[in-house]
Amino acid sequence: MTLLSRTKDMAKLRGMSLETLALKAGLSNKSIYNWDRNSPKSENLEQVATVLNVSTDYLLGRTDEPNHYMTETEKMLSGVDLSEAVDRSVPLTWGGHELDDNDKEILRRLFEGK
C-alpha cells in the first residue's frame, strides 16, 4: 500500500474525507492528494498521523500496526509513580491539553489529601 492509500483508508475508517483530514491537520484541502507524486514534509505527515491517531511509521508502510507508538508508550507508562510525574517536569495532559504547574500542584495536593 502507498502512503496515500494508507492515509485514505485511515481517513475513511475515521469517517473523514481527505479534504477534511487535511483541514483538521492544518493543511490545504487538496495537499494530501499530492502525496502520491511528492513526499510530504515530515511536519505535515506528523500532523496527519496525529489527527488519525496512528504512527507515521504506519502511514509510511514501515509497520502494519497503526498505533505502534501507543503500545510503546503504554509499555513505558506501566508502573509510573504519579507523585514522581507530578513533582518532576514530566508533561502531563488531560483531554489533550497539557497541565501547567498550577494544575500539577492541585493534583499533588489532591493525592496527598491536603
PDB file of N, CA and C in Angstrom:
ATOM      1  N   MET A   1       0.841  -1.186   0.000  1.00  0.00           N
ATOM      2  CA  MET A   1       0.000   0.000   0.000  1.00  0.00           C
ATOM      3  C   MET A   1       0.884   1.246   0.000  1.00  0.00           C
ATOM      4  N   THR A   2       0.421   2.250  -0.678  1.00  0.00           N
ATOM      5  CA  THR A   2       1.169   3.505  -0.729  1.00  0.00           C
ATOM      6  C   THR A   2       0.796   4.395   0.452  1.00  0.00           C
ATOM      7  N   LEU A   3       1.585   5.424   0.646  1.00  0.00           N
ATOM      8  CA  LEU A   3       1.305   6.412   1.691  1.00  0.00           C
ATOM      9  C   LEU A   3      -0.092   6.992   1.501  1.00  0.00           C
ATOM     10  N   LEU A   4      -0.414   7.362   0.276  1.00  0.00           N
ATOM     11  CA  LEU A   4      -1.726   7.948   0.008  1.00  0.00           C
ATOM     12  C   LEU A   4      -2.848   6.951   0.293  1.00  0.00           C
ATOM     13  N   SER A   5      -2.683   5.709  -0.121  1.00  0.00           N
ATOM     14  CA  SER A   5      -3.761   4.734   0.097  1.00  0.00           C
ATOM     15  C   SER A   5      -3.944   4.419   1.581  1.00  0.00           C
ATOM     16  N   ARG A   6      -2.849   4.336   2.340  1.00  0.00           N
ATOM     17  CA  ARG A   6      -2.977   4.106   3.787  1.00  0.00           C
ATOM     18  C   ARG A   6      -3.662   5.294   4.456  1.00  0.00           C
ATOM     19  N   THR A   7      -3.280   6.486   4.041  1.00  0.00           N
ATOM     20  CA  THR A   7      -3.882   7.694   4.609  1.00  0.00           C
ATOM     21  C   THR A   7      -5.363   7.750   4.275  1.00  0.00           C
ATOM     22  N   LYS A   8      -5.688   7.451   3.040  1.00  0.00           N
ATOM     23  CA  LYS A   8      -7.086   7.462   2.599  1.00  0.00           C
ATOM     24  C   LYS A   8      -7.909   6.424   3.361  1.00  0.00           C
ATOM     25  N   ASP A   9      -7.362   5.223   3.527  1.00  0.00           N
ATOM     26  CA  ASP A   9      -8.071   4.160   4.253  1.00  0.00           C
ATOM     27  C   ASP A   9      -8.327   4.547   5.709  1.00  0.00           C
ATOM     28  N   MET A  10      -7.321   5.117   6.362  1.00  0.00           N
ATOM     29  CA  MET A  10      -7.492   5.508   7.767  1.00  0.00           C
ATOM     30  C   MET A  10      -8.475   6.664   7.894  1.00  0.00           C
ATOM     31  N   ALA A  11      -8.424   7.602   6.967  1.00  0.00           N
ATOM     32  CA  ALA A  11      -9.376   8.717   6.996  1.00  0.00           C
ATOM     33  C   ALA A  11     -10.801   8.185   6.844  1.00  0.00           C
ATOM     34  N   LYS A  12     -10.992   7.275   5.908  1.00  0.00           N
ATOM     35  CA  LYS A  12     -12.317   6.683   5.693  1.00  0.00           C
ATOM     36  C   LYS A  12     -12.785   5.955   6.950  1.00  0.00           C
ATOM     37  N   LEU A  13     -11.882   5.209   7.568  1.00  0.00           N
ATOM     38  CA  LEU A  13     -12.200   4.493   8.801  1.00  0.00           C
ATOM     39  C   LEU A  13     -12.630   5.456   9.906  1.00  0.00           C
ATOM     40  N   ARG A  14     -12.068   6.654   9.908  1.00  0.00           N
ATOM     41  CA  ARG A  14     -12.392   7.677  10.909  1.00  0.00           C
ATOM     42  C   ARG A  14     -13.563   8.565  10.468  1.00  0.00           C
ATOM     43  N   GLY A  15     -14.162   8.247   9.300  1.00  0.00           N
ATOM     44  CA  GLY A  15     -15.314   8.998   8.815  1.00  0.00           C
ATOM     45  C   GLY A  15     -14.965  10.352   8.230  1.00  0.00           C
ATOM     46  N   MET A  16     -13.761  10.467   7.675  1.00  0.00           N
ATOM     47  CA  MET A  16     -13.311  11.742   7.113  1.00  0.00           C
ATOM     48  C   MET A  16     -12.925  11.580   5.653  1.00  0.00           C
ATOM     49  N   SER A  17     -13.139  12.633   4.897  1.00  0.00           N
ATOM     50  CA  SER A  17     -12.584  12.694   3.548  1.00  0.00           C
ATOM     51  C   SER A  17     -11.146  13.184   3.668  1.00  0.00           C
ATOM     52  N   LEU A  18     -10.375  13.056   2.606  1.00  0.00           N
ATOM     53  CA  LEU A  18      -9.003  13.567   2.645  1.00  0.00           C
ATOM     54  C   LEU A  18      -8.981  15.085   2.790  1.00  0.00           C
ATOM     55  N   GLU A  19      -9.978  15.750   2.225  1.00  0.00           N
ATOM     56  CA  GLU A  19     -10.061  17.205   2.361  1.00  0.00           C
ATOM     57  C   GLU A  19     -10.279  17.600   3.820  1.00  0.00           C
ATOM     58  N   THR A  20     -11.200  16.917   4.477  1.00  0.00           N
ATOM     59  CA  THR A  20     -11.472  17.197   5.891  1.00  0.00           C
ATOM     60  C   THR A  20     -10.249  16.892   6.741  1.00  0.00           C
ATOM     61  N   LEU A  21      -9.609  15.768   6.475  1.00  0.00           N
ATOM     62  CA  LEU A  21      -8.396  15.398   7.197  1.00  0.00           C
ATOM     63  C   LEU A  21      -7.329  16.472   7.040  1.00  0.00           C
ATOM     64  N   ALA A  22      -7.123  16.927   5.822  1.00  0.00           N
ATOM     65  CA  ALA A  22      -6.110  17.954   5.564  1.00  0.00           C
ATOM     66  C   ALA A  22      -6.410  19.216   6.357  1.00  0.00           C
ATOM     67  N   LEU A  23      -7.649  19.646   6.354  1.00  0.00           N
ATOM     68  CA  LEU A  23      -8.018  20.865   7.082  1.00  0.00           C
ATOM     69  C   LEU A  23      -7.830  20.692   8.583  1.00  0.00           C
ATOM     70  N   LYS A  24      -8.198  19.527   9.119  1.00  0.00           N
ATOM     71  CA  LYS A  24      -8.005  19.274  10.556  1.00  0.00           C
ATOM     72  C   LYS A  24      -6.526  19.252  10.927  1.00  0.00           C
ATOM     73  N   ALA A  25      -5.686  18.865   9.963  1.00  0.00           N
ATOM     74  CA  ALA A  25      -4.240  18.816  10.197  1.00  0.00           C
ATOM     75  C   ALA A  25      -3.569  20.158   9.905  1.00  0.00           C
ATOM     76  N   GLY A  26      -4.369  21.148   9.497  1.00  0.00           N
ATOM     77  CA  GLY A  26      -3.814  22.470   9.221  1.00  0.00           C
ATOM     78  C   GLY A  26      -3.160  22.590   7.854  1.00  0.00           C
ATOM     79  N   LEU A  27      -3.564  21.733   6.930  1.00  0.00           N
ATOM     80  CA  LEU A  27      -3.005  21.746   5.580  1.00  0.00           C
ATOM     81  C   LEU A  27      -4.049  22.254   4.601  1.00  0.00           C
ATOM     82  N   SER A  28      -3.625  22.567   3.387  1.00  0.00           N
ATOM     83  CA  SER A  28      -4.597  22.968   2.372  1.00  0.00           C
ATOM     84  C   SER A  28      -5.444  21.749   2.008  1.00  0.00           C
ATOM     85  N   ASN A  29      -6.672  21.995   1.582  1.00  0.00           N
ATOM     86  CA  ASN A  29      -7.638  20.900   1.458  1.00  0.00           C
ATOM     87  C   ASN A  29      -7.266  19.824   0.437  1.00  0.00           C
ATOM     88  N   LYS A  30      -6.433  20.118  -0.540  1.00  0.00           N
ATOM     89  CA  LYS A  30      -6.061  19.117  -1.549  1.00  0.00           C
ATOM     90  C   LYS A  30      -4.622  18.622  -1.387  1.00  0.00           C
ATOM     91  N   SER A  31      -3.922  19.074  -0.370  1.00  0.00           N
ATOM     92  CA  SER A  31      -2.490  18.780  -0.256  1.00  0.00           C
ATOM     93  C   SER A  31      -2.171  17.294  -0.127  1.00  0.00           C
ATOM     94  N   ILE A  32      -3.010  16.537   0.544  1.00  0.00           N
ATOM     95  CA  ILE A  32      -2.715  15.116   0.752  1.00  0.00           C
ATOM     96  C   ILE A  32      -2.724  14.358  -0.571  1.00  0.00           C
ATOM     97  N   TYR A  33      -3.561  14.788  -1.512  1.00  0.00           N
ATOM     98  CA  TYR A  33      -3.593  14.126  -2.815  1.00  0.00           C
ATOM     99  C   TYR A  33      -2.236  14.193  -3.512  1.00  0.00           C
ATOM    100  N   ASN A  34      -1.448  15.220  -3.227  1.00  0.00           N
ATOM    101  CA  ASN A  34      -0.121  15.366  -3.835  1.00  0.00           C
ATOM    102  C   ASN A  34       0.872  14.331  -3.323  1.00  0.00           C
ATOM    103  N   TRP A  35       0.560  13.667  -2.223  1.00  0.00           N
ATOM    104  CA  TRP A  35       1.480  12.698  -1.641  1.00  0.00           C
ATOM    105  C   TRP A  35       1.698  11.497  -2.556  1.00  0.00           C
ATOM    106  N   ASP A  36       0.834  11.335  -3.543  1.00  0.00           N
ATOM    107  CA  ASP A  36       1.010  10.250  -4.499  1.00  0.00           C
ATOM    108  C   ASP A  36       2.184  10.538  -5.437  1.00  0.00           C
ATOM    109  N   ARG A  37       2.475  11.825  -5.644  1.00  0.00           N
ATOM    110  CA  ARG A  37       3.551  12.237  -6.546  1.00  0.00           C
ATOM    111  C   ARG A  37       4.780  12.749  -5.811  1.00  0.00           C
ATOM    112  N   ASN A  38       4.566  13.399  -4.676  1.00  0.00           N
ATOM    113  CA  ASN A  38       5.659  14.015  -3.922  1.00  0.00           C
ATOM    114  C   ASN A  38       5.605  13.577  -2.465  1.00  0.00           C
ATOM    115  N   SER A  39       6.766  13.392  -1.872  1.00  0.00           N
ATOM    116  CA  SER A  39       6.823  13.052  -0.447  1.00  0.00           C
ATOM    117  C   SER A  39       6.415  14.263   0.385  1.00  0.00           C
ATOM    118  N   PRO A  40       5.611  14.049   1.427  1.00  0.00           N
ATOM    119  CA  PRO A  40       5.202  15.180   2.274  1.00  0.00           C
ATOM    120  C   PRO A  40       6.344  15.627   3.179  1.00  0.00           C
ATOM    121  N   LYS A  41       6.248  16.858   3.639  1.00  0.00           N
ATOM    122  CA  LYS A  41       7.174  17.332   4.664  1.00  0.00           C
ATOM    123  C   LYS A  41       6.908  16.517   5.925  1.00  0.00           C
ATOM    124  N   SER A  42       7.946  16.277   6.699  1.00  0.00           N
ATOM    125  CA  SER A  42       7.785  15.452   7.902  1.00  0.00           C
ATOM    126  C   SER A  42       6.779  16.060   8.871  1.00  0.00           C
ATOM    127  N   GLU A  43       6.755  17.410   8.970  1.00  0.00           N
ATOM    128  CA  GLU A  43       5.800  18.060   9.878  1.00  0.00           C
ATOM    129  C   GLU A  43       4.365  17.791   9.434  1.00  0.00           C
ATOM    130  N   ASN A  44       4.128  17.834   8.120  1.00  0.00           N
ATOM    131  CA  ASN A  44       2.777  17.597   7.606  1.00  0.00           C
ATOM    132  C   ASN A  44       2.345  16.152   7.836  1.00  0.00           C
ATOM    133  N   LEU A  45       3.279  15.229   7.623  1.00  0.00           N
ATOM    134  CA  LEU A  45       2.977  13.816   7.861  1.00  0.00           C
ATOM    135  C   LEU A  45       2.654  13.585   9.333  1.00  0.00           C
ATOM    136  N   GLU A  46       3.418  14.205  10.212  1.00  0.00           N
ATOM    137  CA  GLU A  46       3.198  14.075  11.656  1.00  0.00           C
ATOM    138  C   GLU A  46       1.828  14.632  12.048  1.00  0.00           C
ATOM    139  N   GLN A  47       1.453  15.780  11.473  1.00  0.00           N
ATOM    140  CA  GLN A  47       0.152  16.382  11.794  1.00  0.00           C
ATOM    141  C   GLN A  47      -0.992  15.471  11.357  1.00  0.00           C
ATOM    142  N   VAL A  48      -0.878  14.898  10.179  1.00  0.00           N
ATOM    143  CA  VAL A  48      -1.917  13.997   9.676  1.00  0.00           C
ATOM    144  C   VAL A  48      -1.984  12.739  10.546  1.00  0.00           C
ATOM    145  N   ALA A  49      -0.834  12.187  10.899  1.00  0.00           N
ATOM    146  CA  ALA A  49      -0.804  10.997  11.758  1.00  0.00           C
ATOM    147  C   ALA A  49      -1.458  11.286  13.106  1.00  0.00           C
ATOM    148  N   THR A  50      -1.217  12.473  13.642  1.00  0.00           N
ATOM    149  CA  THR A  50      -1.819  12.851  14.924  1.00  0.00           C
ATOM    150  C   THR A  50      -3.337  12.907  14.815  1.00  0.00           C
ATOM    151  N   VAL A  51      -3.845  13.525  13.759  1.00  0.00           N
ATOM    152  CA  VAL A  51      -5.299  13.610  13.567  1.00  0.00           C
ATOM    153  C   VAL A  51      -5.899  12.211  13.425  1.00  0.00           C
ATOM    154  N   LEU A  52      -5.205  11.331  12.721  1.00  0.00           N
ATOM    155  CA  LEU A  52      -5.702   9.969  12.507  1.00  0.00           C
ATOM    156  C   LEU A  52      -5.442   9.043  13.690  1.00  0.00           C
ATOM    157  N   ASN A  53      -4.642   9.507  14.646  1.00  0.00           N
ATOM    158  CA  ASN A  53      -4.254   8.707  15.808  1.00  0.00           C
ATOM    159  C   ASN A  53      -3.532   7.424  15.385  1.00  0.00           C
ATOM    160  N   VAL A  54      -2.597   7.590  14.451  1.00  0.00           N
ATOM    161  CA  VAL A  54      -1.742   6.490  14.012  1.00  0.00           C
ATOM    162  C   VAL A  54      -0.299   6.977  14.021  1.00  0.00           C
ATOM    163  N   SER A  55       0.630   6.064  13.882  1.00  0.00           N
ATOM    164  CA  SER A  55       2.034   6.456  13.815  1.00  0.00           C
ATOM    165  C   SER A  55       2.404   6.822  12.381  1.00  0.00           C
ATOM    166  N   THR A  56       3.430   7.643  12.251  1.00  0.00           N
ATOM    167  CA  THR A  56       3.931   7.960  10.914  1.00  0.00           C
ATOM    168  C   THR A  56       4.510   6.702  10.270  1.00  0.00           C
ATOM    169  N   ASP A  57       5.079   5.820  11.072  1.00  0.00           N
ATOM    170  CA  ASP A  57       5.605   4.560  10.532  1.00  0.00           C
ATOM    171  C   ASP A  57       4.503   3.745   9.864  1.00  0.00           C
ATOM    172  N   TYR A  58       3.305   3.773  10.436  1.00  0.00           N
ATOM    173  CA  TYR A  58       2.191   3.055   9.819  1.00  0.00           C
ATOM    174  C   TYR A  58       1.849   3.678   8.468  1.00  0.00           C
ATOM    175  N   LEU A  59       1.714   4.997   8.430  1.00  0.00           N
ATOM    176  CA  LEU A  59       1.366   5.660   7.173  1.00  0.00           C
ATOM    177  C   LEU A  59       2.422   5.420   6.102  1.00  0.00           C
ATOM    178  N   LEU A  60       3.681   5.359   6.518  1.00  0.00           N
ATOM    179  CA  LEU A  60       4.778   5.149   5.569  1.00  0.00           C
ATOM    180  C   LEU A  60       4.958   3.683   5.178  1.00  0.00           C
ATOM    181  N   GLY A  61       4.196   2.791   5.808  1.00  0.00           N
ATOM    182  CA  GLY A  61       4.277   1.375   5.470  1.00  0.00           C
ATOM    183  C   GLY A  61       5.409   0.635   6.154  1.00  0.00           C
ATOM    184  N   ARG A  62       5.994   1.237   7.180  1.00  0.00           N
ATOM    185  CA  ARG A  62       7.100   0.591   7.903  1.00  0.00           C
ATOM    186  C   ARG A  62       6.605  -0.439   8.916  1.00  0.00           C
ATOM    187  N   THR A  63       5.335  -0.337   9.283  1.00  0.00           N
ATOM    188  CA  THR A  63       4.718  -1.286  10.207  1.00  0.00           C
ATOM    189  C   THR A  63       3.257  -1.447   9.817  1.00  0.00           C
ATOM    190  N   ASP A  64       2.698  -2.584  10.158  1.00  0.00           N
ATOM    191  CA  ASP A  64       1.273  -2.812   9.911  1.00  0.00           C
ATOM    192  C   ASP A  64       0.443  -2.530  11.153  1.00  0.00           C
ATOM    193  N   GLU A  65       1.082  -2.109  12.214  1.00  0.00           N
ATOM    194  CA  GLU A  65       0.408  -1.785  13.475  1.00  0.00           C
ATOM    195  C   GLU A  65       0.129  -0.279  13.495  1.00  0.00           C
ATOM    196  N   PRO A  66      -1.142   0.140  13.304  1.00  0.00           N
ATOM    197  CA  PRO A  66      -1.443   1.573  13.234  1.00  0.00           C
ATOM    198  C   PRO A  66      -1.011   2.367  14.461  1.00  0.00           C
ATOM    199  N   ASN A  67      -1.146   1.792  15.634  1.00  0.00           N
ATOM    200  CA  ASN A  67      -0.834   2.528  16.861  1.00  0.00           C
ATOM    201  C   ASN A  67       0.396   1.979  17.550  1.00  0.00           C
ATOM    202  N   HIS A  68       1.389   1.608  16.782  1.00  0.00           N
ATOM    203  CA  HIS A  68       2.611   1.035  17.350  1.00  0.00           C
ATOM    204  C   HIS A  68       3.192   1.923  18.437  1.00  0.00           C
ATOM    205  N   TYR A  69       3.212   3.234  18.200  1.00  0.00           N
ATOM    206  CA  TYR A  69       3.789   4.146  19.193  1.00  0.00           C
ATOM    207  C   TYR A  69       2.955   4.158  20.466  1.00  0.00           C
ATOM    208  N   MET A  70       1.665   3.934  20.352  1.00  0.00           N
ATOM    209  CA  MET A  70       0.818   3.881  21.538  1.00  0.00           C
ATOM    210  C   MET A  70       1.205   2.676  22.400  1.00  0.00           C
ATOM    211  N   THR A  71       1.465   1.566  21.767  1.00  0.00           N
ATOM    212  CA  THR A  71       1.857   0.374  22.501  1.00  0.00           C
ATOM    213  C   THR A  71       3.158   0.623  23.246  1.00  0.00           C
ATOM    214  N   GLU A  72       4.110   1.247  22.591  1.00  0.00           N
ATOM    215  CA  GLU A  72       5.384   1.557  23.231  1.00  0.00           C
ATOM    216  C   GLU A  72       5.176   2.522  24.396  1.00  0.00           C
ATOM    217  N   THR A  73       4.319   3.514  24.221  1.00  0.00           N
ATOM    218  CA  THR A  73       4.032   4.473  25.284  1.00  0.00           C
ATOM    219  C   THR A  73       3.388   3.768  26.463  1.00  0.00           C
ATOM    220  N   GLU A  74       2.453   2.893  26.178  1.00  0.00           N
ATOM    221  CA  GLU A  74       1.808   2.144  27.256  1.00  0.00           C
ATOM    222  C   GLU A  74       2.825   1.310  28.030  1.00  0.00           C
ATOM    223  N   LYS A  75       3.756   0.714  27.318  1.00  0.00           N
ATOM    224  CA  LYS A  75       4.801  -0.057  27.994  1.00  0.00           C
ATOM    225  C   LYS A  75       5.622   0.850  28.899  1.00  0.00           C
ATOM    226  N   MET A  76       5.960   2.036  28.394  1.00  0.00           N
ATOM    227  CA  MET A  76       6.760   2.981  29.159  1.00  0.00           C
ATOM    228  C   MET A  76       6.034   3.435  30.417  1.00  0.00           C
ATOM    229  N   LEU A  77       4.726   3.626  30.300  1.00  0.00           N
ATOM    230  CA  LEU A  77       3.963   4.199  31.403  1.00  0.00           C
ATOM    231  C   LEU A  77       3.510   3.176  32.439  1.00  0.00           C
ATOM    232  N   SER A  78       3.671   1.906  32.151  1.00  0.00           N
ATOM    233  CA  SER A  78       3.224   0.925  33.134  1.00  0.00           C
ATOM    234  C   SER A  78       4.057   1.068  34.397  1.00  0.00           C
ATOM    235  N   GLY A  79       3.378   1.214  35.506  1.00  0.00           N
ATOM    236  CA  GLY A  79       4.067   1.354  36.783  1.00  0.00           C
ATOM    237  C   GLY A  79       4.606   2.738  37.062  1.00  0.00           C
ATOM    238  N   VAL A  80       4.119   3.763  36.380  1.00  0.00           N
ATOM    239  CA  VAL A  80       4.586   5.128  36.633  1.00  0.00           C
ATOM    240  C   VAL A  80       4.063   5.592  37.983  1.00  0.00           C
ATOM    241  N   ASP A  81       4.934   6.145  38.776  1.00  0.00           N
ATOM    242  CA  ASP A  81       4.561   6.722  40.067  1.00  0.00           C
ATOM    243  C   ASP A  81       4.079   8.148  39.808  1.00  0.00           C
ATOM    244  N   LEU A  82       2.781   8.390  40.009  1.00  0.00           N
ATOM    245  CA  LEU A  82       2.223   9.710  39.719  1.00  0.00           C
ATOM    246  C   LEU A  82       2.848  10.808  40.559  1.00  0.00           C
ATOM    247  N   SER A  83       3.245  10.503  41.786  1.00  0.00           N
ATOM    248  CA  SER A  83       3.860  11.544  42.614  1.00  0.00           C
ATOM    249  C   SER A  83       5.162  12.023  41.984  1.00  0.00           C
ATOM    250  N   GLU A  84       5.918  11.105  41.400  1.00  0.00           N
ATOM    251  CA  GLU A  84       7.148  11.499  40.717  1.00  0.00           C
ATOM    252  C   GLU A  84       6.836  12.286  39.453  1.00  0.00           C
ATOM    253  N   ALA A  85       5.824  11.858  38.719  1.00  0.00           N
ATOM    254  CA  ALA A  85       5.462  12.549  37.482  1.00  0.00           C
ATOM    255  C   ALA A  85       4.986  13.965  37.762  1.00  0.00           C
ATOM    256  N   VAL A  86       4.234  14.151  38.846  1.00  0.00           N
ATOM    257  CA  VAL A  86       3.726  15.478  39.196  1.00  0.00           C
ATOM    258  C   VAL A  86       4.858  16.363  39.704  1.00  0.00           C
ATOM    259  N   ASP A  87       5.771  15.806  40.486  1.00  0.00           N
ATOM    260  CA  ASP A  87       6.860  16.599  41.058  1.00  0.00           C
ATOM    261  C   ASP A  87       7.944  16.953  40.042  1.00  0.00           C
ATOM    262  N   ARG A  88       8.155  16.096  39.063  1.00  0.00           N
ATOM    263  CA  ARG A  88       9.178  16.376  38.058  1.00  0.00           C
ATOM    264  C   ARG A  88       8.570  17.172  36.914  1.00  0.00           C
ATOM    265  N   SER A  89       9.389  17.549  35.995  1.00  0.00           N
ATOM    266  CA  SER A  89       8.939  18.318  34.835  1.00  0.00           C
ATOM    267  C   SER A  89       8.434  17.411  33.724  1.00  0.00           C
ATOM    268  N   VAL A  90       7.710  16.369  34.099  1.00  0.00           N
ATOM    269  CA  VAL A  90       7.143  15.455  33.117  1.00  0.00           C
ATOM    270  C   VAL A  90       5.866  16.077  32.564  1.00  0.00           C
ATOM    271  N   PRO A  91       5.733  16.182  31.238  1.00  0.00           N
ATOM    272  CA  PRO A  91       4.500  16.738  30.683  1.00  0.00           C
ATOM    273  C   PRO A  91       3.317  15.815  30.981  1.00  0.00           C
ATOM    274  N   LEU A  92       2.295  16.356  31.594  1.00  0.00           N
ATOM    275  CA  LEU A  92       1.066  15.609  31.857  1.00  0.00           C
ATOM    276  C   LEU A  92      -0.056  16.271  31.079  1.00  0.00           C
ATOM    277  N   THR A  93      -0.954  15.464  30.541  1.00  0.00           N
ATOM    278  CA  THR A  93      -2.071  16.017  29.784  1.00  0.00           C
ATOM    279  C   THR A  93      -3.385  15.473  30.315  1.00  0.00           C
ATOM    280  N   TRP A  94      -4.441  16.220  30.044  1.00  0.00           N
ATOM    281  CA  TRP A  94      -5.799  15.804  30.375  1.00  0.00           C
ATOM    282  C   TRP A  94      -6.679  16.260  29.222  1.00  0.00           C
ATOM    283  N   GLY A  95      -7.308  15.313  28.557  1.00  0.00           N
ATOM    284  CA  GLY A  95      -8.177  15.658  27.438  1.00  0.00           C
ATOM    285  C   GLY A  95      -7.449  16.354  26.305  1.00  0.00           C
ATOM    286  N   GLY A  96      -6.177  16.023  26.130  1.00  0.00           N
ATOM    287  CA  GLY A  96      -5.408  16.607  25.043  1.00  0.00           C
ATOM    288  C   GLY A  96      -4.753  17.931  25.359  1.00  0.00           C
ATOM    289  N   HIS A  97      -4.941  18.435  26.585  1.00  0.00           N
ATOM    290  CA  HIS A  97      -4.345  19.718  26.976  1.00  0.00           C
ATOM    291  C   HIS A  97      -3.287  19.478  28.044  1.00  0.00           C
ATOM    292  N   GLU A  98      -2.128  20.108  27.860  1.00  0.00           N
ATOM    293  CA  GLU A  98      -1.052  19.938  28.825  1.00  0.00           C
ATOM    294  C   GLU A  98      -1.385  20.676  30.115  1.00  0.00           C
ATOM    295  N   LEU A  99      -1.140  20.001  31.237  1.00  0.00           N
ATOM    296  CA  LEU A  99      -1.381  20.609  32.542  1.00  0.00           C
ATOM    297  C   LEU A  99      -0.220  21.531  32.895  1.00  0.00           C
ATOM    298  N   ASP A 100      -0.547  22.707  33.420  1.00  0.00           N
ATOM    299  CA  ASP A 100       0.510  23.626  33.839  1.00  0.00           C
ATOM    300  C   ASP A 100       0.919  23.300  35.277  1.00  0.00           C
ATOM    301  N   ASP A 101       1.903  24.045  35.793  1.00  0.00           N
ATOM    302  CA  ASP A 101       2.414  23.772  37.141  1.00  0.00           C
ATOM    303  C   ASP A 101       1.333  23.914  38.206  1.00  0.00           C
ATOM    304  N   ASN A 102       0.412  24.863  38.026  1.00  0.00           N
ATOM    305  CA  ASN A 102      -0.678  25.053  38.979  1.00  0.00           C
ATOM    306  C   ASN A 102      -1.580  23.812  39.022  1.00  0.00           C
ATOM    307  N   ASP A 103      -1.910  23.284  37.846  1.00  0.00           N
ATOM    308  CA  ASP A 103      -2.728  22.067  37.779  1.00  0.00           C
ATOM    309  C   ASP A 103      -2.018  20.893  38.440  1.00  0.00           C
ATOM    310  N   LYS A 104      -0.708  20.780  38.206  1.00  0.00           N
ATOM    311  CA  LYS A 104       0.067  19.696  38.820  1.00  0.00           C
ATOM    312  C   LYS A 104       0.079  19.827  40.342  1.00  0.00           C
ATOM    313  N   GLU A 105       0.162  21.064  40.829  1.00  0.00           N
ATOM    314  CA  GLU A 105       0.150  21.291  42.279  1.00  0.00           C
ATOM    315  C   GLU A 105      -1.194  20.870  42.871  1.00  0.00           C
ATOM    316  N   ILE A 106      -2.271  21.182  42.178  1.00  0.00           N
ATOM    317  CA  ILE A 106      -3.607  20.773  42.628  1.00  0.00           C
ATOM    318  C   ILE A 106      -3.690  19.246  42.695  1.00  0.00           C
ATOM    319  N   LEU A 107      -3.173  18.571  41.678  1.00  0.00           N
ATOM    320  CA  LEU A 107      -3.162  17.103  41.691  1.00  0.00           C
ATOM    321  C   LEU A 107      -2.344  16.564  42.854  1.00  0.00           C
ATOM    322  N   ARG A 108      -1.164  17.150  43.065  1.00  0.00           N
ATOM    323  CA  ARG A 108      -0.301  16.695  44.153  1.00  0.00           C
ATOM    324  C   ARG A 108      -1.026  16.805  45.486  1.00  0.00           C
ATOM    325  N   ARG A 109      -1.682  17.944  45.721  1.00  0.00           N
ATOM    326  CA  ARG A 109      -2.415  18.145  46.977  1.00  0.00           C
ATOM    327  C   ARG A 109      -3.593  17.183  47.091  1.00  0.00           C
ATOM    328  N   LEU A 110      -4.270  16.952  45.994  1.00  0.00           N
ATOM    329  CA  LEU A 110      -5.394  16.017  45.985  1.00  0.00           C
ATOM    330  C   LEU A 110      -4.928  14.610  46.361  1.00  0.00           C
ATOM    331  N   PHE A 111      -3.843  14.170  45.749  1.00  0.00           N
ATOM    332  CA  PHE A 111      -3.314  12.835  46.038  1.00  0.00           C
ATOM    333  C   PHE A 111      -2.821  12.718  47.474  1.00  0.00           C
ATOM    334  N   GLU A 112      -2.289  13.811  48.011  1.00  0.00           N
ATOM    335  CA  GLU A 112      -1.776  13.791  49.381  1.00  0.00           C
ATOM    336  C   GLU A 112      -2.878  14.023  50.410  1.00  0.00           C
ATOM    337  N   GLY A 113      -4.088  14.329  49.946  1.00  0.00           N
ATOM    338  CA  GLY A 113      -5.210  14.545  50.852  1.00  0.00           C
ATOM    339  C   GLY A 113      -5.173  15.880  51.559  1.00  0.00           C
ATOM    340  N   LYS A 114      -4.555  16.885  50.936  1.00  0.00           N
ATOM    341  CA  LYS A 114      -4.463  18.218  51.559  1.00  0.00           C
ATOM    342  C   LYS A 114      -5.463  19.166  50.947  1.00  0.00           C
TER     343      LYS A 114
END
